[in-house]
Amino acid sequence: EPDLRSSRPPPKTMAVAPDAFDFLLTQLASVHRMEVGRASEAAKRLSKENEVLSNEIRALKNPAAAVNGGRGSSVMETGK
């Protein structure tokens, strides 16, 4: 049984001139910086949203604790 890996032709490669390679590398670096910037802005936005939601959750928990004598559980949770 012949080995199929050795019977396949080698993959075709494309030669790239050094100046074209430098151009492509510069373009890739530019795109990478842009994407990192977008990700950073998204992370900042999500962090702010997380802070707002955490504050809202904290505010919702506090009145429930005050109503139940500071036990922190609601009437529905205790089954009373």
PDB file of N, CA and C in Angstrom:
ATOM      1  N   GLU A   1       0.851  -1.185   0.000  1.00  0.00           N
ATOM      2  CA  GLU A   1       0.000   0.000   0.000  1.00  0.00           C
ATOM      3  C   GLU A   1       0.893   1.243   0.000  1.00  0.00           C
ATOM      4  N   PRO A   2       0.754   2.104  -0.998  1.00  0.00           N
ATOM      5  CA  PRO A   2       1.635   3.282  -1.079  1.00  0.00           C
ATOM      6  C   PRO A   2       1.300   4.302   0.008  1.00  0.00           C
ATOM      7  N   ASP A   3       2.322   5.010   0.445  1.00  0.00           N
ATOM      8  CA  ASP A   3       2.154   6.070   1.435  1.00  0.00           C
ATOM      9  C   ASP A   3       1.635   7.309   0.708  1.00  0.00           C
ATOM     10  N   LEU A   4       0.395   7.723   1.048  1.00  0.00           N
ATOM     11  CA  LEU A   4      -0.235   8.851   0.351  1.00  0.00           C
ATOM     12  C   LEU A   4       0.470  10.165   0.647  1.00  0.00           C
ATOM     13  N   ARG A   5       1.068  10.279   1.829  1.00  0.00           N
ATOM     14  CA  ARG A   5       1.744  11.536   2.166  1.00  0.00           C
ATOM     15  C   ARG A   5       2.932  11.790   1.250  1.00  0.00           C
ATOM     16  N   SER A   6       3.652  10.739   0.891  1.00  0.00           N
ATOM     17  CA  SER A   6       4.826  10.940   0.048  1.00  0.00           C
ATOM     18  C   SER A   6       4.457  11.095  -1.427  1.00  0.00           C
ATOM     19  N   SER A   7       3.245  10.673  -1.822  1.00  0.00           N
ATOM     20  CA  SER A   7       2.859  10.774  -3.219  1.00  0.00           C
ATOM     21  C   SER A   7       2.240  12.125  -3.562  1.00  0.00           C
ATOM     22  N   ARG A   8       1.882  12.915  -2.563  1.00  0.00           N
ATOM     23  CA  ARG A   8       1.311  14.238  -2.827  1.00  0.00           C
ATOM     24  C   ARG A   8       2.415  15.213  -3.215  1.00  0.00           C
ATOM     25  N   PRO A   9       2.094  16.100  -4.147  1.00  0.00           N
ATOM     26  CA  PRO A   9       3.095  17.119  -4.493  1.00  0.00           C
ATOM     27  C   PRO A   9       3.228  18.113  -3.334  1.00  0.00           C
ATOM     28  N   PRO A  10       4.381  18.712  -3.195  1.00  0.00           N
ATOM     29  CA  PRO A  10       4.552  19.681  -2.106  1.00  0.00           C
ATOM     30  C   PRO A  10       3.632  20.881  -2.322  1.00  0.00           C
ATOM     31  N   PRO A  11       3.189  21.524  -1.243  1.00  0.00           N
ATOM     32  CA  PRO A  11       2.296  22.676  -1.414  1.00  0.00           C
ATOM     33  C   PRO A  11       3.004  23.795  -2.171  1.00  0.00           C
ATOM     34  N   LYS A  12       2.223  24.500  -2.969  1.00  0.00           N
ATOM     35  CA  LYS A  12       2.795  25.607  -3.730  1.00  0.00           C
ATOM     36  C   LYS A  12       3.042  26.779  -2.795  1.00  0.00           C
ATOM     37  N   THR A  13       4.172  27.397  -2.939  1.00  0.00           N
ATOM     38  CA  THR A  13       4.498  28.572  -2.138  1.00  0.00           C
ATOM     39  C   THR A  13       4.672  29.754  -3.066  1.00  0.00           C
ATOM     40  N   MET A  14       4.411  30.918  -2.527  1.00  0.00           N
ATOM     41  CA  MET A  14       4.535  32.118  -3.332  1.00  0.00           C
ATOM     42  C   MET A  14       5.704  32.933  -2.788  1.00  0.00           C
ATOM     43  N   ALA A  15       6.587  33.281  -3.649  1.00  0.00           N
ATOM     44  CA  ALA A  15       7.701  34.130  -3.244  1.00  0.00           C
ATOM     45  C   ALA A  15       7.199  35.562  -3.126  1.00  0.00           C
ATOM     46  N   VAL A  16       7.612  36.234  -2.064  1.00  0.00           N
ATOM     47  CA  VAL A  16       7.209  37.622  -1.846  1.00  0.00           C
ATOM     48  C   VAL A  16       8.471  38.463  -1.788  1.00  0.00           C
ATOM     49  N   ALA A  17       8.479  39.520  -2.557  1.00  0.00           N
ATOM     50  CA  ALA A  17       9.628  40.425  -2.560  1.00  0.00           C
ATOM     51  C   ALA A  17       9.762  41.073  -1.184  1.00  0.00           C
ATOM     52  N   PRO A  18      10.993  41.346  -0.752  1.00  0.00           N
ATOM     53  CA  PRO A  18      11.193  41.936   0.577  1.00  0.00           C
ATOM     54  C   PRO A  18      10.409  43.223   0.816  1.00  0.00           C
ATOM     55  N   ASP A  19      10.325  44.089  -0.190  1.00  0.00           N
ATOM     56  CA  ASP A  19       9.578  45.334   0.016  1.00  0.00           C
ATOM     57  C   ASP A  19       8.082  45.066   0.158  1.00  0.00           C
ATOM     58  N   ALA A  20       7.576  44.091  -0.579  1.00  0.00           N
ATOM     59  CA  ALA A  20       6.166  43.722  -0.431  1.00  0.00           C
ATOM     60  C   ALA A  20       5.928  43.087   0.932  1.00  0.00           C
ATOM     61  N   PHE A  21       6.874  42.279   1.381  1.00  0.00           N
ATOM     62  CA  PHE A  21       6.768  41.663   2.697  1.00  0.00           C
ATOM     63  C   PHE A  21       6.740  42.739   3.781  1.00  0.00           C
ATOM     64  N   ASP A  22       7.628  43.715   3.679  1.00  0.00           N
ATOM     65  CA  ASP A  22       7.638  44.817   4.651  1.00  0.00           C
ATOM     66  C   ASP A  22       6.318  45.568   4.634  1.00  0.00           C
ATOM     67  N   PHE A  23       5.773  45.813   3.454  1.00  0.00           N
ATOM     68  CA  PHE A  23       4.486  46.497   3.337  1.00  0.00           C
ATOM     69  C   PHE A  23       3.390  45.687   4.020  1.00  0.00           C
ATOM     70  N   LEU A  24       3.351  44.385   3.729  1.00  0.00           N
ATOM     71  CA  LEU A  24       2.327  43.531   4.337  1.00  0.00           C
ATOM     72  C   LEU A  24       2.481  43.466   5.854  1.00  0.00           C
ATOM     73  N   LEU A  25       3.708  43.401   6.313  1.00  0.00           N
ATOM     74  CA  LEU A  25       3.962  43.373   7.749  1.00  0.00           C
ATOM     75  C   LEU A  25       3.522  44.680   8.409  1.00  0.00           C
ATOM     76  N   THR A  26       3.772  45.796   7.748  1.00  0.00           N
ATOM     77  CA  THR A  26       3.342  47.098   8.264  1.00  0.00           C
ATOM     78  C   THR A  26       1.819  47.177   8.310  1.00  0.00           C
ATOM     79  N   GLN A  27       1.171  46.681   7.259  1.00  0.00           N
ATOM     80  CA  GLN A  27      -0.297  46.680   7.223  1.00  0.00           C
ATOM     81  C   GLN A  27      -0.857  45.799   8.340  1.00  0.00           C
ATOM     82  N   LEU A  28      -0.261  44.642   8.521  1.00  0.00           N
ATOM     83  CA  LEU A  28      -0.706  43.732   9.578  1.00  0.00           C
ATOM     84  C   LEU A  28      -0.552  44.380  10.950  1.00  0.00           C
ATOM     85  N   ALA A  29       0.574  45.050  11.178  1.00  0.00           N
ATOM     86  CA  ALA A  29       0.799  45.730  12.453  1.00  0.00           C
ATOM     87  C   ALA A  29      -0.228  46.830  12.662  1.00  0.00           C
ATOM     88  N   SER A  30      -0.566  47.538  11.611  1.00  0.00           N
ATOM     89  CA  SER A  30      -1.560  48.604  11.700  1.00  0.00           C
ATOM     90  C   SER A  30      -2.931  48.042  12.066  1.00  0.00           C
ATOM     91  N   VAL A  31      -3.321  46.971  11.398  1.00  0.00           N
ATOM     92  CA  VAL A  31      -4.602  46.335  11.690  1.00  0.00           C
ATOM     93  C   VAL A  31      -4.601  45.807  13.126  1.00  0.00           C
ATOM     94  N   HIS A  32      -3.496  45.222  13.539  1.00  0.00           N
ATOM     95  CA  HIS A  32      -3.391  44.697  14.897  1.00  0.00           C
ATOM     96  C   HIS A  32      -3.564  45.813  15.925  1.00  0.00           C
ATOM     97  N   ARG A  33      -2.895  46.949  15.725  1.00  0.00           N
ATOM     98  CA  ARG A  33      -3.035  48.090  16.644  1.00  0.00           C
ATOM     99  C   ARG A  33      -4.477  48.567  16.698  1.00  0.00           C
ATOM    100  N   MET A  34      -5.135  48.612  15.530  1.00  0.00           N
ATOM    101  CA  MET A  34      -6.521  49.054  15.469  1.00  0.00           C
ATOM    102  C   MET A  34      -7.423  48.091  16.247  1.00  0.00           C
ATOM    103  N   GLU A  35      -7.212  46.804  16.054  1.00  0.00           N
ATOM    104  CA  GLU A  35      -8.023  45.808  16.753  1.00  0.00           C
ATOM    105  C   GLU A  35      -7.766  45.830  18.255  1.00  0.00           C
ATOM    106  N   VAL A  36      -6.524  46.028  18.656  1.00  0.00           N
ATOM    107  CA  VAL A  36      -6.207  46.130  20.088  1.00  0.00           C
ATOM    108  C   VAL A  36      -6.894  47.357  20.671  1.00  0.00           C
ATOM    109  N   GLY A  37      -6.913  48.451  19.932  1.00  0.00           N
ATOM    110  CA  GLY A  37      -7.612  49.659  20.377  1.00  0.00           C
ATOM    111  C   GLY A  37      -9.100  49.419  20.544  1.00  0.00           C
ATOM    112  N   ARG A  38      -9.698  48.737  19.590  1.00  0.00           N
ATOM    113  CA  ARG A  38     -11.132  48.413  19.685  1.00  0.00           C
ATOM    114  C   ARG A  38     -11.402  47.524  20.882  1.00  0.00           C
ATOM    115  N   ALA A  39     -10.566  46.525  21.086  1.00  0.00           N
ATOM    116  CA  ALA A  39     -10.749  45.617  22.215  1.00  0.00           C
ATOM    117  C   ALA A  39     -10.589  46.353  23.536  1.00  0.00           C
ATOM    118  N   SER A  40      -9.651  47.279  23.584  1.00  0.00           N
ATOM    119  CA  SER A  40      -9.436  48.060  24.799  1.00  0.00           C
ATOM    120  C   SER A  40     -10.656  48.924  25.106  1.00  0.00           C
ATOM    121  N   GLU A  41     -11.198  49.564  24.082  1.00  0.00           N
ATOM    122  CA  GLU A  41     -12.402  50.386  24.281  1.00  0.00           C
ATOM    123  C   GLU A  41     -13.582  49.524  24.718  1.00  0.00           C
ATOM    124  N   ALA A  42     -13.725  48.357  24.126  1.00  0.00           N
ATOM    125  CA  ALA A  42     -14.811  47.453  24.519  1.00  0.00           C
ATOM    126  C   ALA A  42     -14.633  47.004  25.962  1.00  0.00           C
ATOM    127  N   ALA A  43     -13.403  46.728  26.356  1.00  0.00           N
ATOM    128  CA  ALA A  43     -13.138  46.308  27.734  1.00  0.00           C
ATOM    129  C   ALA A  43     -13.477  47.429  28.717  1.00  0.00           C
ATOM    130  N   LYS A  44     -13.141  48.671  28.366  1.00  0.00           N
ATOM    131  CA  LYS A  44     -13.480  49.809  29.232  1.00  0.00           C
ATOM    132  C   LYS A  44     -14.993  49.956  29.349  1.00  0.00           C
ATOM    133  N   ARG A  45     -15.681  49.830  28.214  1.00  0.00           N
ATOM    134  CA  ARG A  45     -17.141  49.962  28.221  1.00  0.00           C
ATOM    135  C   ARG A  45     -17.778  48.866  29.069  1.00  0.00           C
ATOM    136  N   LEU A  46     -17.306  47.642  28.908  1.00  0.00           N
ATOM    137  CA  LEU A  46     -17.847  46.533  29.684  1.00  0.00           C
ATOM    138  C   LEU A  46     -17.547  46.683  31.168  1.00  0.00           C
ATOM    139  N   SER A  47     -16.383  47.217  31.487  1.00  0.00           N
ATOM    140  CA  SER A  47     -16.032  47.449  32.880  1.00  0.00           C
ATOM    141  C   SER A  47     -16.984  48.461  33.513  1.00  0.00           C
ATOM    142  N   LYS A  48     -17.299  49.535  32.770  1.00  0.00           N
ATOM    143  CA  LYS A  48     -18.247  50.535  33.276  1.00  0.00           C
ATOM    144  C   LYS A  48     -19.634  49.925  33.442  1.00  0.00           C
ATOM    145  N   GLU A  49     -20.070  49.123  32.455  1.00  0.00           N
ATOM    146  CA  GLU A  49     -21.374  48.467  32.552  1.00  0.00           C
ATOM    147  C   GLU A  49     -21.411  47.528  33.751  1.00  0.00           C
ATOM    148  N   ASN A  50     -20.330  46.811  33.983  1.00  0.00           N
ATOM    149  CA  ASN A  50     -20.243  45.899  35.113  1.00  0.00           C
ATOM    150  C   ASN A  50     -20.361  46.666  36.425  1.00  0.00           C
ATOM    151  N   GLU A  51     -19.695  47.812  36.505  1.00  0.00           N
ATOM    152  CA  GLU A  51     -19.754  48.633  37.713  1.00  0.00           C
ATOM    153  C   GLU A  51     -21.180  49.127  37.963  1.00  0.00           C
ATOM    154  N   VAL A  52     -21.858  49.581  36.910  1.00  0.00           N
ATOM    155  CA  VAL A  52     -23.236  50.055  37.042  1.00  0.00           C
ATOM    156  C   VAL A  52     -24.141  48.922  37.515  1.00  0.00           C
ATOM    157  N   LEU A  53     -23.999  47.753  36.885  1.00  0.00           N
ATOM    158  CA  LEU A  53     -24.834  46.614  37.267  1.00  0.00           C
ATOM    159  C   LEU A  53     -24.541  46.155  38.693  1.00  0.00           C
ATOM    160  N   SER A  54     -23.288  46.175  39.087  1.00  0.00           N
ATOM    161  CA  SER A  54     -22.932  45.807  40.459  1.00  0.00           C
ATOM    162  C   SER A  54     -23.574  46.759  41.450  1.00  0.00           C
ATOM    163  N   ASN A  55     -23.548  48.059  41.133  1.00  0.00           N
ATOM    164  CA  ASN A  55     -24.184  49.048  42.005  1.00  0.00           C
ATOM    165  C   ASN A  55     -25.690  48.833  42.080  1.00  0.00           C
ATOM    166  N   GLU A  56     -26.305  48.503  40.950  1.00  0.00           N
ATOM    167  CA  GLU A  56     -27.748  48.244  40.937  1.00  0.00           C
ATOM    168  C   GLU A  56     -28.081  47.015  41.773  1.00  0.00           C
ATOM    169  N   ILE A  57     -27.284  45.976  41.651  1.00  0.00           N
ATOM    170  CA  ILE A  57     -27.517  44.758  42.439  1.00  0.00           C
ATOM    171  C   ILE A  57     -27.364  45.058  43.925  1.00  0.00           C
ATOM    172  N   ARG A  58     -26.329  45.797  44.270  1.00  0.00           N
ATOM    173  CA  ARG A  58     -26.110  46.176  45.668  1.00  0.00           C
ATOM    174  C   ARG A  58     -27.306  46.966  46.208  1.00  0.00           C
ATOM    175  N   ALA A  59     -27.820  47.894  45.405  1.00  0.00           N
ATOM    176  CA  ALA A  59     -28.965  48.707  45.821  1.00  0.00           C
ATOM    177  C   ALA A  59     -30.216  47.850  45.988  1.00  0.00           C
ATOM    178  N   LEU A  60     -30.372  46.854  45.126  1.00  0.00           N
ATOM    179  CA  LEU A  60     -31.537  45.969  45.240  1.00  0.00           C
ATOM    180  C   LEU A  60     -31.438  45.060  46.458  1.00  0.00           C
ATOM    181  N   LYS A  61     -30.251  44.657  46.825  1.00  0.00           N
ATOM    182  CA  LYS A  61     -30.065  43.769  47.979  1.00  0.00           C
ATOM    183  C   LYS A  61     -30.273  44.512  49.294  1.00  0.00           C
ATOM    184  N   ASN A  62     -29.862  45.758  49.387  1.00  0.00           N
ATOM    185  CA  ASN A  62     -29.930  46.487  50.644  1.00  0.00           C
ATOM    186  C   ASN A  62     -31.351  46.645  51.172  1.00  0.00           C
ATOM    187  N   PRO A  63     -32.338  47.065  50.376  1.00  0.00           N
ATOM    188  CA  PRO A  63     -33.693  47.178  50.929  1.00  0.00           C
ATOM    189  C   PRO A  63     -34.237  45.828  51.386  1.00  0.00           C
ATOM    190  N   ALA A  64     -33.920  44.746  50.699  1.00  0.00           N
ATOM    191  CA  ALA A  64     -34.390  43.421  51.098  1.00  0.00           C
ATOM    192  C   ALA A  64     -33.812  43.045  52.450  1.00  0.00           C
ATOM    193  N   ALA A  65     -32.570  43.378  52.697  1.00  0.00           N
ATOM    194  CA  ALA A  65     -31.941  43.069  53.981  1.00  0.00           C
ATOM    195  C   ALA A  65     -32.577  43.884  55.092  1.00  0.00           C
ATOM    196  N   ALA A  66     -32.919  45.154  54.816  1.00  0.00           N
ATOM    197  CA  ALA A  66     -33.520  46.011  55.828  1.00  0.00           C
ATOM    198  C   ALA A  66     -34.925  45.522  56.194  1.00  0.00           C
ATOM    199  N   VAL A  67     -35.688  45.062  55.194  1.00  0.00           N
ATOM    200  CA  VAL A  67     -37.050  44.592  55.433  1.00  0.00           C
ATOM    201  C   VAL A  67     -37.042  43.319  56.272  1.00  0.00           C
ATOM    202  N   ASN A  68     -36.049  42.465  56.077  1.00  0.00           N
ATOM    203  CA  ASN A  68     -35.996  41.164  56.763  1.00  0.00           C
ATOM    204  C   ASN A  68     -35.120  41.198  58.001  1.00  0.00           C
ATOM    205  N   GLY A  69     -34.977  42.323  58.599  1.00  0.00           N
ATOM    206  CA  GLY A  69     -34.204  42.402  59.827  1.00  0.00           C
ATOM    207  C   GLY A  69     -32.729  42.155  59.638  1.00  0.00           C
ATOM    208  N   GLY A  70     -32.204  42.464  58.443  1.00  0.00           N
ATOM    209  CA  GLY A  70     -30.777  42.334  58.205  1.00  0.00           C
ATOM    210  C   GLY A  70     -30.320  40.932  57.873  1.00  0.00           C
ATOM    211  N   ARG A  71     -31.250  39.991  57.722  1.00  0.00           N
ATOM    212  CA  ARG A  71     -30.851  38.614  57.404  1.00  0.00           C
ATOM    213  C   ARG A  71     -30.434  38.469  55.959  1.00  0.00           C
ATOM    214  N   GLY A  72     -30.856  39.386  55.086  1.00  0.00           N
ATOM    215  CA  GLY A  72     -30.432  39.378  53.694  1.00  0.00           C
ATOM    216  C   GLY A  72     -31.218  38.449  52.807  1.00  0.00           C
ATOM    217  N   SER A  73     -32.214  37.745  53.336  1.00  0.00           N
ATOM    218  CA  SER A  73     -33.023  36.871  52.476  1.00  0.00           C
ATOM    219  C   SER A  73     -34.425  37.439  52.393  1.00  0.00           C
ATOM    220  N   SER A  74     -35.049  37.246  51.277  1.00  0.00           N
ATOM    221  CA  SER A  74     -36.397  37.757  51.093  1.00  0.00           C
ATOM    222  C   SER A  74     -37.402  36.793  51.685  1.00  0.00           C
ATOM    223  N   VAL A  75     -38.613  37.230  51.803  1.00  0.00           N
ATOM    224  CA  VAL A  75     -39.678  36.383  52.333  1.00  0.00           C
ATOM    225  C   VAL A  75     -39.884  35.182  51.435  1.00  0.00           C
ATOM    226  N   MET A  76     -39.813  35.382  50.124  1.00  0.00           N
ATOM    227  CA  MET A  76     -40.009  34.268  49.193  1.00  0.00           C
ATOM    228  C   MET A  76     -38.905  33.240  49.340  1.00  0.00           C
ATOM    229  N   GLU A  77     -37.669  33.664  49.583  1.00  0.00           N
ATOM    230  CA  GLU A  77     -36.561  32.723  49.695  1.00  0.00           C
ATOM    231  C   GLU A  77     -36.687  31.855  50.940  1.00  0.00           C
ATOM    232  N   THR A  78     -37.236  32.417  52.027  1.00  0.00           N
ATOM    233  CA  THR A  78     -37.332  31.652  53.279  1.00  0.00           C
ATOM    234  C   THR A  78     -38.589  30.806  53.326  1.00  0.00           C
ATOM    235  N   GLY A  79     -39.530  31.065  52.424  1.00  0.00           N
ATOM    236  CA  GLY A  79     -40.755  30.281  52.385  1.00  0.00           C
ATOM    237  C   GLY A  79     -41.765  30.730  53.420  1.00  0.00           C
ATOM    238  N   LYS A  80     -41.572  31.868  54.046  1.00  0.00           N
ATOM    239  CA  LYS A  80     -42.512  32.358  55.069  1.00  0.00           C
ATOM    240  C   LYS A  80     -43.605  33.180  54.434  1.00  0.00           C
TER     241      LYS A  80
END
